[in-house]
Amino acid sequence: MLKTYAVVVVPQDHPTALIGPFIAKTNAQRYAERIGRFESRRTERQVDAFVAVAHPHYDHLDPRLPTDPWTLGELIAEQEDQDVVPCLYARLHAQLGGDIAEEVWSRATGWGGDETSGREQLLAAAEDWRTQRVGAALALKRIAVELWNGGMENVQDIRRATGLSRTTVYEVLRAAGIDPAERYSEE
């Protein structure tokens, strides 16, 4: 089993936080150093951060925050009034380094860019979702063929499982060289 690492953040007046898992111990050490130093300055109290072996039974914060402005902006809005250590900005700072974190944070909060930055963020998010939708549709079509080949002979069942329309299921099966009518006639 692969040994993974976690960063343990121990603030004085807040609960301990586990961040991870990290595969490389050096990445965890760099992250711990950055987050400990940043949070100690921000809270004006000593915040210890060190590396330990990750335990799958404990909840860990993901070390990778989203960096697209739209998603990060929503996360910031969700946690706006929470007093937590480490804060989102500290985690972003530890993840990306100071200069890049500041630029990403500014775009996400609307302080960076011009008046059209909100529209550009929406357009970028729409493009991401559109790309994901195309990928999901292709994957569902492949799954429909695999389900048929795996013995699920009812197009209605495949349609319910994949969410594809009946017409699309028939189209996909025929494109894969499968004639659903032949399968029924064999019975």
N, C-alpha and C. Protein backbone atom coordinates (compact mmCIF):
# COMPACT_ATOMS: atom_id res chain seq x y z
N MET A 1 0.84 -1.18 0.00
CA MET A 1 0.00 0.00 0.00
C MET A 1 0.88 1.24 0.00
N LEU A 2 0.48 2.23 -0.78
CA LEU A 2 1.22 3.47 -0.92
C LEU A 2 1.13 4.30 0.35
N LYS A 3 2.26 4.74 0.85
CA LYS A 3 2.28 5.59 2.05
C LYS A 3 2.00 7.02 1.61
N THR A 4 1.00 7.63 2.26
CA THR A 4 0.66 9.02 1.97
C THR A 4 0.85 9.86 3.22
N TYR A 5 0.89 11.17 3.02
CA TYR A 5 1.19 12.08 4.12
C TYR A 5 0.09 13.12 4.27
N ALA A 6 -0.02 13.65 5.46
CA ALA A 6 -0.97 14.71 5.75
C ALA A 6 -0.24 15.84 6.45
N VAL A 7 -0.74 17.04 6.26
CA VAL A 7 -0.25 18.19 7.01
C VAL A 7 -1.20 18.39 8.19
N VAL A 8 -0.64 18.41 9.36
CA VAL A 8 -1.41 18.62 10.59
C VAL A 8 -1.22 20.08 11.00
N VAL A 9 -2.33 20.82 11.05
CA VAL A 9 -2.28 22.23 11.42
C VAL A 9 -2.87 22.36 12.83
N VAL A 10 -2.04 22.88 13.76
CA VAL A 10 -2.45 22.96 15.16
C VAL A 10 -2.44 24.43 15.59
N PRO A 11 -3.60 25.10 15.49
CA PRO A 11 -3.70 26.48 15.97
C PRO A 11 -3.98 26.50 17.47
N GLN A 12 -3.74 27.62 18.11
CA GLN A 12 -3.94 27.69 19.56
C GLN A 12 -5.40 27.70 19.97
N ASP A 13 -6.25 28.42 19.25
CA ASP A 13 -7.64 28.59 19.69
C ASP A 13 -8.66 27.95 18.75
N HIS A 14 -8.24 27.04 17.92
CA HIS A 14 -9.13 26.40 16.95
C HIS A 14 -8.84 24.91 16.92
N PRO A 15 -9.77 24.13 16.38
CA PRO A 15 -9.52 22.69 16.28
C PRO A 15 -8.37 22.38 15.31
N THR A 16 -7.74 21.26 15.53
CA THR A 16 -6.68 20.80 14.64
C THR A 16 -7.28 20.43 13.29
N ALA A 17 -6.55 20.72 12.22
CA ALA A 17 -7.01 20.39 10.87
C ALA A 17 -6.01 19.46 10.20
N LEU A 18 -6.52 18.49 9.47
CA LEU A 18 -5.68 17.60 8.67
C LEU A 18 -5.90 17.94 7.20
N ILE A 19 -4.82 18.11 6.47
CA ILE A 19 -4.90 18.43 5.05
C ILE A 19 -4.14 17.36 4.28
N GLY A 20 -4.76 16.77 3.30
CA GLY A 20 -4.08 15.74 2.53
C GLY A 20 -5.08 14.88 1.78
N PRO A 21 -4.64 13.79 1.28
CA PRO A 21 -3.30 13.24 1.39
C PRO A 21 -2.35 13.79 0.33
N PHE A 22 -1.07 13.74 0.66
CA PHE A 22 0.01 14.08 -0.25
C PHE A 22 0.76 12.79 -0.55
N ILE A 23 1.15 12.59 -1.77
CA ILE A 23 1.91 11.40 -2.13
C ILE A 23 3.39 11.63 -1.84
N ALA A 24 3.88 12.83 -2.14
CA ALA A 24 5.29 13.15 -1.91
C ALA A 24 5.45 13.88 -0.57
N LYS A 25 6.32 13.37 0.25
CA LYS A 25 6.55 13.97 1.56
C LYS A 25 7.11 15.39 1.42
N THR A 26 7.92 15.62 0.41
CA THR A 26 8.50 16.96 0.21
C THR A 26 7.42 17.99 -0.09
N ASN A 27 6.39 17.59 -0.86
CA ASN A 27 5.28 18.52 -1.14
C ASN A 27 4.53 18.83 0.15
N ALA A 28 4.32 17.83 0.97
CA ALA A 28 3.63 18.04 2.25
C ALA A 28 4.45 18.96 3.15
N GLN A 29 5.76 18.79 3.15
CA GLN A 29 6.62 19.63 3.98
C GLN A 29 6.59 21.08 3.53
N ARG A 30 6.63 21.30 2.21
CA ARG A 30 6.57 22.67 1.68
C ARG A 30 5.22 23.31 2.03
N TYR A 31 4.15 22.54 1.88
CA TYR A 31 2.80 23.02 2.20
C TYR A 31 2.71 23.38 3.69
N ALA A 32 3.22 22.49 4.55
CA ALA A 32 3.17 22.73 6.00
C ALA A 32 3.94 23.98 6.37
N GLU A 33 5.09 24.16 5.77
CA GLU A 33 5.91 25.34 6.07
C GLU A 33 5.17 26.62 5.67
N ARG A 34 4.59 26.62 4.47
CA ARG A 34 3.88 27.81 3.98
C ARG A 34 2.66 28.12 4.84
N ILE A 35 1.88 27.10 5.13
CA ILE A 35 0.62 27.35 5.84
C ILE A 35 0.87 27.73 7.30
N GLY A 36 1.86 27.12 7.92
CA GLY A 36 2.20 27.48 9.31
C GLY A 36 2.68 28.90 9.42
N ARG A 37 3.54 29.29 8.50
CA ARG A 37 4.09 30.65 8.51
C ARG A 37 2.98 31.67 8.23
N PHE A 38 2.15 31.40 7.22
CA PHE A 38 1.08 32.33 6.85
C PHE A 38 0.07 32.48 7.98
N GLU A 39 -0.41 31.38 8.53
CA GLU A 39 -1.43 31.45 9.59
C GLU A 39 -0.89 32.06 10.87
N SER A 40 0.40 31.86 11.17
CA SER A 40 0.98 32.50 12.35
C SER A 40 0.98 34.02 12.19
N ARG A 41 1.28 34.50 10.98
CA ARG A 41 1.23 35.95 10.73
C ARG A 41 -0.20 36.47 10.77
N ARG A 42 -1.12 35.73 10.14
CA ARG A 42 -2.51 36.18 10.05
C ARG A 42 -3.19 36.23 11.41
N THR A 43 -3.03 35.19 12.21
CA THR A 43 -3.71 35.13 13.51
C THR A 43 -2.92 35.79 14.63
N GLU A 44 -1.66 36.13 14.34
CA GLU A 44 -0.75 36.72 15.33
C GLU A 44 -0.56 35.82 16.53
N ARG A 45 -0.68 34.54 16.31
CA ARG A 45 -0.43 33.51 17.32
C ARG A 45 0.31 32.37 16.63
N GLN A 46 1.02 31.61 17.40
CA GLN A 46 1.77 30.49 16.83
C GLN A 46 0.81 29.42 16.31
N VAL A 47 0.97 29.07 15.05
CA VAL A 47 0.22 27.98 14.44
C VAL A 47 1.25 26.97 13.96
N ASP A 48 1.24 25.80 14.58
CA ASP A 48 2.18 24.77 14.19
C ASP A 48 1.60 23.96 13.04
N ALA A 49 2.45 23.62 12.10
CA ALA A 49 2.04 22.77 10.98
C ALA A 49 3.18 21.80 10.72
N PHE A 50 2.86 20.52 10.72
CA PHE A 50 3.90 19.51 10.51
C PHE A 50 3.32 18.37 9.68
N VAL A 51 4.20 17.50 9.23
CA VAL A 51 3.81 16.39 8.36
C VAL A 51 3.72 15.11 9.18
N ALA A 52 2.67 14.35 8.91
CA ALA A 52 2.49 13.04 9.55
C ALA A 52 1.99 12.07 8.48
N VAL A 53 2.01 10.81 8.80
CA VAL A 53 1.46 9.81 7.88
C VAL A 53 -0.06 9.98 7.87
N ALA A 54 -0.65 10.00 6.67
CA ALA A 54 -2.10 10.17 6.54
C ALA A 54 -2.81 8.90 6.96
N HIS A 55 -3.92 9.06 7.62
CA HIS A 55 -4.75 7.94 8.04
C HIS A 55 -6.08 8.02 7.30
N PRO A 56 -6.45 6.99 6.57
CA PRO A 56 -7.68 7.06 5.78
C PRO A 56 -8.96 7.16 6.61
N HIS A 57 -8.90 6.85 7.88
CA HIS A 57 -10.09 6.90 8.73
C HIS A 57 -10.43 8.31 9.21
N TYR A 58 -9.51 9.26 9.03
CA TYR A 58 -9.75 10.63 9.47
C TYR A 58 -10.14 11.49 8.28
N ASP A 59 -10.97 12.49 8.55
CA ASP A 59 -11.34 13.45 7.50
C ASP A 59 -10.18 14.40 7.26
N HIS A 60 -9.89 14.61 5.99
CA HIS A 60 -8.83 15.52 5.59
C HIS A 60 -9.41 16.61 4.68
N LEU A 61 -8.92 17.83 4.82
CA LEU A 61 -9.22 18.87 3.86
C LEU A 61 -8.40 18.59 2.61
N ASP A 62 -8.96 18.83 1.46
CA ASP A 62 -8.24 18.63 0.21
C ASP A 62 -7.17 19.70 0.07
N PRO A 63 -5.93 19.34 -0.23
CA PRO A 63 -4.89 20.35 -0.37
C PRO A 63 -5.04 21.18 -1.65
N ARG A 64 -5.86 20.70 -2.59
CA ARG A 64 -6.03 21.40 -3.86
C ARG A 64 -7.37 22.14 -3.87
N LEU A 65 -7.31 23.43 -3.77
CA LEU A 65 -8.51 24.24 -3.92
C LEU A 65 -8.72 24.52 -5.41
N PRO A 66 -9.96 24.74 -5.82
CA PRO A 66 -10.18 25.09 -7.23
C PRO A 66 -9.55 26.44 -7.52
N THR A 67 -9.02 26.61 -8.70
CA THR A 67 -8.36 27.87 -9.04
C THR A 67 -9.12 28.65 -10.10
N ASP A 68 -10.20 28.07 -10.65
CA ASP A 68 -10.97 28.88 -11.59
C ASP A 68 -11.78 29.88 -10.77
N PRO A 69 -11.89 31.10 -11.25
CA PRO A 69 -12.50 32.18 -10.46
C PRO A 69 -13.94 31.89 -10.03
N TRP A 70 -14.73 31.29 -10.88
CA TRP A 70 -16.13 31.06 -10.57
C TRP A 70 -16.29 30.10 -9.39
N THR A 71 -15.64 28.94 -9.47
CA THR A 71 -15.77 27.93 -8.42
C THR A 71 -15.15 28.41 -7.12
N LEU A 72 -13.97 29.02 -7.20
CA LEU A 72 -13.32 29.53 -6.00
C LEU A 72 -14.16 30.64 -5.37
N GLY A 73 -14.76 31.50 -6.20
CA GLY A 73 -15.60 32.56 -5.69
C GLY A 73 -16.80 32.03 -4.92
N GLU A 74 -17.40 30.94 -5.42
CA GLU A 74 -18.52 30.33 -4.71
C GLU A 74 -18.07 29.74 -3.37
N LEU A 75 -16.89 29.12 -3.36
CA LEU A 75 -16.36 28.55 -2.12
C LEU A 75 -16.06 29.65 -1.11
N ILE A 76 -15.52 30.76 -1.58
CA ILE A 76 -15.24 31.90 -0.69
C ILE A 76 -16.55 32.42 -0.09
N ALA A 77 -17.57 32.53 -0.93
CA ALA A 77 -18.87 33.04 -0.43
C ALA A 77 -19.47 32.10 0.61
N GLU A 78 -19.32 30.78 0.41
CA GLU A 78 -19.85 29.81 1.36
C GLU A 78 -19.17 29.93 2.72
N GLN A 79 -17.87 30.21 2.73
CA GLN A 79 -17.11 30.21 3.98
C GLN A 79 -16.77 31.62 4.47
N GLU A 80 -17.46 32.60 3.94
CA GLU A 80 -17.13 34.00 4.21
C GLU A 80 -17.12 34.37 5.68
N ASP A 81 -18.12 33.96 6.42
CA ASP A 81 -18.23 34.39 7.82
C ASP A 81 -17.70 33.36 8.81
N GLN A 82 -17.00 32.38 8.35
CA GLN A 82 -16.49 31.33 9.24
C GLN A 82 -15.09 31.70 9.73
N ASP A 83 -14.88 31.47 11.01
CA ASP A 83 -13.56 31.71 11.60
C ASP A 83 -12.86 30.36 11.73
N VAL A 84 -12.15 29.97 10.68
CA VAL A 84 -11.47 28.68 10.67
C VAL A 84 -9.98 28.87 10.44
N VAL A 85 -9.24 27.94 10.94
CA VAL A 85 -7.79 27.89 10.70
C VAL A 85 -7.49 26.48 10.20
N PRO A 86 -6.96 26.36 9.03
CA PRO A 86 -6.48 27.39 8.12
C PRO A 86 -7.61 27.95 7.26
N CYS A 87 -7.53 29.24 6.97
CA CYS A 87 -8.53 29.88 6.13
C CYS A 87 -8.28 29.51 4.67
N LEU A 88 -9.26 29.79 3.83
CA LEU A 88 -9.13 29.45 2.41
C LEU A 88 -7.93 30.14 1.76
N TYR A 89 -7.71 31.40 2.11
CA TYR A 89 -6.60 32.11 1.50
C TYR A 89 -5.26 31.48 1.90
N ALA A 90 -5.15 31.06 3.16
CA ALA A 90 -3.91 30.41 3.61
C ALA A 90 -3.68 29.11 2.84
N ARG A 91 -4.76 28.36 2.63
CA ARG A 91 -4.63 27.10 1.87
C ARG A 91 -4.25 27.38 0.42
N LEU A 92 -4.86 28.42 -0.18
CA LEU A 92 -4.52 28.77 -1.56
C LEU A 92 -3.08 29.24 -1.64
N HIS A 93 -2.66 30.01 -0.64
CA HIS A 93 -1.28 30.50 -0.57
C HIS A 93 -0.30 29.33 -0.46
N ALA A 94 -0.63 28.36 0.36
CA ALA A 94 0.24 27.18 0.51
C ALA A 94 0.26 26.35 -0.77
N GLN A 95 -0.85 26.31 -1.47
CA GLN A 95 -0.95 25.51 -2.69
C GLN A 95 -0.18 26.15 -3.85
N LEU A 96 -0.32 27.47 -4.02
CA LEU A 96 0.20 28.12 -5.22
C LEU A 96 1.41 29.03 -5.00
N GLY A 97 1.64 29.43 -3.77
CA GLY A 97 2.66 30.44 -3.52
C GLY A 97 1.99 31.81 -3.49
N GLY A 98 2.66 32.79 -2.92
CA GLY A 98 2.06 34.09 -2.65
C GLY A 98 1.57 34.87 -3.85
N ASP A 99 2.40 35.07 -4.86
CA ASP A 99 2.02 35.92 -5.99
C ASP A 99 0.87 35.34 -6.79
N ILE A 100 0.93 34.06 -7.08
CA ILE A 100 -0.13 33.43 -7.87
C ILE A 100 -1.41 33.37 -7.06
N ALA A 101 -1.31 33.05 -5.78
CA ALA A 101 -2.51 32.99 -4.92
C ALA A 101 -3.20 34.35 -4.88
N GLU A 102 -2.44 35.41 -4.79
CA GLU A 102 -3.03 36.76 -4.75
C GLU A 102 -3.78 37.06 -6.05
N GLU A 103 -3.20 36.70 -7.17
CA GLU A 103 -3.83 36.94 -8.47
C GLU A 103 -5.12 36.12 -8.62
N VAL A 104 -5.06 34.83 -8.26
CA VAL A 104 -6.23 33.96 -8.36
C VAL A 104 -7.33 34.44 -7.42
N TRP A 105 -6.96 34.80 -6.20
CA TRP A 105 -7.94 35.28 -5.21
C TRP A 105 -8.59 36.58 -5.69
N SER A 106 -7.80 37.47 -6.25
CA SER A 106 -8.34 38.74 -6.74
C SER A 106 -9.37 38.53 -7.85
N ARG A 107 -9.09 37.63 -8.76
CA ARG A 107 -10.05 37.34 -9.83
C ARG A 107 -11.32 36.71 -9.26
N ALA A 108 -11.16 35.81 -8.27
CA ALA A 108 -12.32 35.11 -7.70
C ALA A 108 -13.22 36.04 -6.89
N THR A 109 -12.63 37.03 -6.26
CA THR A 109 -13.42 37.94 -5.44
C THR A 109 -13.88 39.17 -6.21
N GLY A 110 -13.48 39.28 -7.48
CA GLY A 110 -13.91 40.40 -8.30
C GLY A 110 -13.06 41.63 -8.18
N TRP A 111 -11.97 41.55 -7.44
CA TRP A 111 -11.09 42.71 -7.28
C TRP A 111 -10.08 42.83 -8.39
N GLY A 112 -9.87 41.73 -9.12
CA GLY A 112 -8.91 41.77 -10.22
C GLY A 112 -9.64 41.84 -11.54
N GLY A 113 -9.04 42.43 -12.52
CA GLY A 113 -9.64 42.49 -13.85
C GLY A 113 -10.50 43.72 -14.03
N ASP A 114 -11.14 43.79 -15.20
CA ASP A 114 -11.98 44.93 -15.51
C ASP A 114 -13.45 44.58 -15.31
N GLU A 115 -14.32 45.44 -15.84
CA GLU A 115 -15.75 45.25 -15.64
C GLU A 115 -16.27 43.96 -16.27
N THR A 116 -15.60 43.49 -17.30
CA THR A 116 -16.07 42.29 -18.00
C THR A 116 -15.58 41.01 -17.36
N SER A 117 -14.81 41.10 -16.26
CA SER A 117 -14.24 39.89 -15.68
C SER A 117 -15.33 38.93 -15.19
N GLY A 118 -16.45 39.44 -14.66
CA GLY A 118 -17.55 38.57 -14.24
C GLY A 118 -18.12 37.81 -15.40
N ARG A 119 -18.31 38.50 -16.52
CA ARG A 119 -18.82 37.84 -17.72
C ARG A 119 -17.81 36.82 -18.23
N GLU A 120 -16.53 37.17 -18.20
CA GLU A 120 -15.50 36.23 -18.65
C GLU A 120 -15.45 35.00 -17.76
N GLN A 121 -15.65 35.19 -16.46
CA GLN A 121 -15.69 34.06 -15.55
C GLN A 121 -16.86 33.14 -15.89
N LEU A 122 -18.01 33.73 -16.16
CA LEU A 122 -19.18 32.92 -16.54
C LEU A 122 -18.94 32.19 -17.85
N LEU A 123 -18.35 32.87 -18.81
CA LEU A 123 -18.06 32.22 -20.09
C LEU A 123 -17.06 31.07 -19.92
N ALA A 124 -16.05 31.28 -19.09
CA ALA A 124 -15.08 30.21 -18.83
C ALA A 124 -15.74 29.03 -18.13
N ALA A 125 -16.61 29.33 -17.16
CA ALA A 125 -17.33 28.25 -16.47
C ALA A 125 -18.24 27.52 -17.43
N ALA A 126 -18.92 28.25 -18.32
CA ALA A 126 -19.81 27.62 -19.29
C ALA A 126 -19.01 26.70 -20.22
N GLU A 127 -17.84 27.14 -20.62
CA GLU A 127 -17.00 26.31 -21.49
C GLU A 127 -16.56 25.03 -20.77
N ASP A 128 -16.20 25.16 -19.50
CA ASP A 128 -15.81 23.98 -18.72
C ASP A 128 -16.96 22.99 -18.61
N TRP A 129 -18.15 23.49 -18.28
CA TRP A 129 -19.31 22.61 -18.14
C TRP A 129 -19.69 21.98 -19.47
N ARG A 130 -19.58 22.76 -20.55
CA ARG A 130 -19.90 22.22 -21.88
C ARG A 130 -18.95 21.08 -22.23
N THR A 131 -17.68 21.27 -21.94
CA THR A 131 -16.69 20.23 -22.20
C THR A 131 -16.99 18.98 -21.38
N GLN A 132 -17.36 19.18 -20.12
CA GLN A 132 -17.70 18.04 -19.26
C GLN A 132 -18.95 17.33 -19.77
N ARG A 133 -19.91 18.11 -20.26
CA ARG A 133 -21.15 17.51 -20.77
C ARG A 133 -20.86 16.64 -21.99
N VAL A 134 -20.03 17.12 -22.90
CA VAL A 134 -19.67 16.34 -24.08
C VAL A 134 -18.97 15.05 -23.67
N GLY A 135 -18.03 15.16 -22.73
CA GLY A 135 -17.32 13.97 -22.25
C GLY A 135 -18.26 12.99 -21.57
N ALA A 136 -19.20 13.50 -20.79
CA ALA A 136 -20.16 12.63 -20.11
C ALA A 136 -21.07 11.94 -21.11
N ALA A 137 -21.51 12.66 -22.13
CA ALA A 137 -22.39 12.05 -23.14
C ALA A 137 -21.67 10.92 -23.86
N LEU A 138 -20.41 11.14 -24.22
CA LEU A 138 -19.65 10.08 -24.89
C LEU A 138 -19.47 8.87 -23.98
N ALA A 139 -19.19 9.12 -22.71
CA ALA A 139 -19.01 8.02 -21.76
C ALA A 139 -20.30 7.24 -21.59
N LEU A 140 -21.43 7.94 -21.49
CA LEU A 140 -22.72 7.25 -21.35
C LEU A 140 -23.07 6.42 -22.58
N LYS A 141 -22.69 6.90 -23.73
CA LYS A 141 -22.93 6.13 -24.96
C LYS A 141 -22.09 4.85 -24.96
N ARG A 142 -20.84 4.95 -24.52
CA ARG A 142 -19.99 3.75 -24.42
C ARG A 142 -20.56 2.77 -23.39
N ILE A 143 -21.07 3.31 -22.30
CA ILE A 143 -21.67 2.46 -21.27
C ILE A 143 -22.90 1.75 -21.81
N ALA A 144 -23.70 2.44 -22.63
CA ALA A 144 -24.89 1.81 -23.21
C ALA A 144 -24.50 0.60 -24.04
N VAL A 145 -23.45 0.71 -24.84
CA VAL A 145 -22.98 -0.41 -25.66
C VAL A 145 -22.47 -1.54 -24.76
N GLU A 146 -21.72 -1.18 -23.72
CA GLU A 146 -21.20 -2.20 -22.81
C GLU A 146 -22.32 -2.92 -22.07
N LEU A 147 -23.34 -2.18 -21.68
CA LEU A 147 -24.47 -2.81 -21.02
C LEU A 147 -25.16 -3.82 -21.95
N TRP A 148 -25.33 -3.44 -23.21
CA TRP A 148 -25.94 -4.35 -24.18
C TRP A 148 -25.08 -5.59 -24.34
N ASN A 149 -23.77 -5.36 -24.53
CA ASN A 149 -22.85 -6.50 -24.69
C ASN A 149 -22.78 -7.35 -23.43
N GLY A 150 -23.04 -6.75 -22.29
CA GLY A 150 -23.01 -7.47 -21.02
C GLY A 150 -24.30 -8.22 -20.72
N GLY A 151 -25.26 -8.16 -21.63
CA GLY A 151 -26.47 -8.94 -21.45
C GLY A 151 -27.73 -8.16 -21.12
N MET A 152 -27.64 -6.85 -20.98
CA MET A 152 -28.84 -6.07 -20.74
C MET A 152 -29.50 -5.80 -22.09
N GLU A 153 -30.48 -6.61 -22.41
CA GLU A 153 -31.04 -6.59 -23.75
C GLU A 153 -32.24 -5.67 -23.91
N ASN A 154 -32.69 -5.06 -22.87
CA ASN A 154 -33.85 -4.20 -22.93
C ASN A 154 -33.39 -2.75 -23.09
N VAL A 155 -33.73 -2.14 -24.21
CA VAL A 155 -33.34 -0.76 -24.48
C VAL A 155 -33.91 0.18 -23.42
N GLN A 156 -35.09 -0.11 -22.94
CA GLN A 156 -35.72 0.72 -21.91
C GLN A 156 -34.88 0.72 -20.63
N ASP A 157 -34.34 -0.45 -20.25
CA ASP A 157 -33.48 -0.54 -19.07
C ASP A 157 -32.19 0.24 -19.27
N ILE A 158 -31.62 0.15 -20.45
CA ILE A 158 -30.38 0.89 -20.75
C ILE A 158 -30.68 2.39 -20.71
N ARG A 159 -31.81 2.79 -21.25
CA ARG A 159 -32.20 4.20 -21.24
C ARG A 159 -32.32 4.72 -19.82
N ARG A 160 -32.96 3.94 -18.95
CA ARG A 160 -33.10 4.36 -17.55
C ARG A 160 -31.75 4.43 -16.85
N ALA A 161 -30.87 3.50 -17.14
CA ALA A 161 -29.56 3.45 -16.48
C ALA A 161 -28.65 4.61 -16.92
N THR A 162 -28.73 4.98 -18.18
CA THR A 162 -27.81 6.00 -18.71
C THR A 162 -28.42 7.40 -18.81
N GLY A 163 -29.74 7.48 -18.84
CA GLY A 163 -30.38 8.78 -19.01
C GLY A 163 -30.42 9.22 -20.47
N LEU A 164 -29.96 8.38 -21.37
CA LEU A 164 -30.00 8.70 -22.80
C LEU A 164 -31.41 8.44 -23.33
N SER A 165 -31.77 9.14 -24.38
CA SER A 165 -33.08 8.92 -24.97
C SER A 165 -33.11 7.57 -25.69
N ARG A 166 -34.30 7.06 -25.92
CA ARG A 166 -34.47 5.78 -26.61
C ARG A 166 -33.84 5.85 -28.00
N THR A 167 -34.09 6.96 -28.69
CA THR A 167 -33.53 7.15 -30.03
C THR A 167 -32.01 7.11 -30.00
N THR A 168 -31.42 7.78 -29.00
CA THR A 168 -29.96 7.82 -28.89
C THR A 168 -29.41 6.43 -28.60
N VAL A 169 -30.07 5.67 -27.73
CA VAL A 169 -29.61 4.31 -27.42
C VAL A 169 -29.61 3.46 -28.69
N TYR A 170 -30.70 3.51 -29.45
CA TYR A 170 -30.75 2.76 -30.71
C TYR A 170 -29.66 3.21 -31.67
N GLU A 171 -29.46 4.52 -31.77
CA GLU A 171 -28.45 5.09 -32.65
C GLU A 171 -27.05 4.60 -32.27
N VAL A 172 -26.75 4.63 -30.98
CA VAL A 172 -25.43 4.22 -30.48
C VAL A 172 -25.20 2.72 -30.73
N LEU A 173 -26.22 1.93 -30.46
CA LEU A 173 -26.09 0.48 -30.67
C LEU A 173 -25.85 0.18 -32.15
N ARG A 174 -26.60 0.82 -33.02
CA ARG A 174 -26.41 0.59 -34.46
C ARG A 174 -25.03 1.07 -34.92
N ALA A 175 -24.55 2.18 -34.38
CA ALA A 175 -23.22 2.68 -34.73
C ALA A 175 -22.13 1.71 -34.29
N ALA A 176 -22.41 0.92 -33.24
CA ALA A 176 -21.45 -0.07 -32.74
C ALA A 176 -21.60 -1.41 -33.46
N GLY A 177 -22.46 -1.44 -34.49
CA GLY A 177 -22.64 -2.68 -35.25
C GLY A 177 -23.62 -3.64 -34.61
N ILE A 178 -24.46 -3.15 -33.73
CA ILE A 178 -25.44 -3.98 -33.03
C ILE A 178 -26.82 -3.61 -33.55
N ASP A 179 -27.58 -4.60 -33.97
CA ASP A 179 -28.96 -4.35 -34.37
C ASP A 179 -29.86 -4.89 -33.27
N PRO A 180 -30.47 -4.02 -32.48
CA PRO A 180 -31.30 -4.48 -31.37
C PRO A 180 -32.45 -5.38 -31.82
N ALA A 181 -32.95 -5.18 -33.01
CA ALA A 181 -34.05 -6.01 -33.51
C ALA A 181 -33.62 -7.45 -33.71
N GLU A 182 -32.38 -7.68 -34.10
CA GLU A 182 -31.87 -9.05 -34.29
C GLU A 182 -31.81 -9.80 -32.96
N ARG A 183 -31.41 -9.15 -31.92
CA ARG A 183 -31.31 -9.77 -30.61
C ARG A 183 -32.66 -10.28 -30.15
N TYR A 184 -33.70 -9.47 -30.40
CA TYR A 184 -35.04 -9.86 -30.02
C TYR A 184 -35.56 -11.00 -30.86
N SER A 185 -35.19 -11.03 -32.14
CA SER A 185 -35.69 -12.08 -33.03
C SER A 185 -35.06 -13.43 -32.73
N GLU A 186 -33.86 -13.43 -32.11
CA GLU A 186 -33.18 -14.70 -31.77
C GLU A 186 -33.92 -15.43 -30.67
N GLU A 187 -34.64 -14.68 -29.82
CA GLU A 187 -35.35 -15.28 -28.69
C GLU A 187 -36.59 -15.89 -29.24
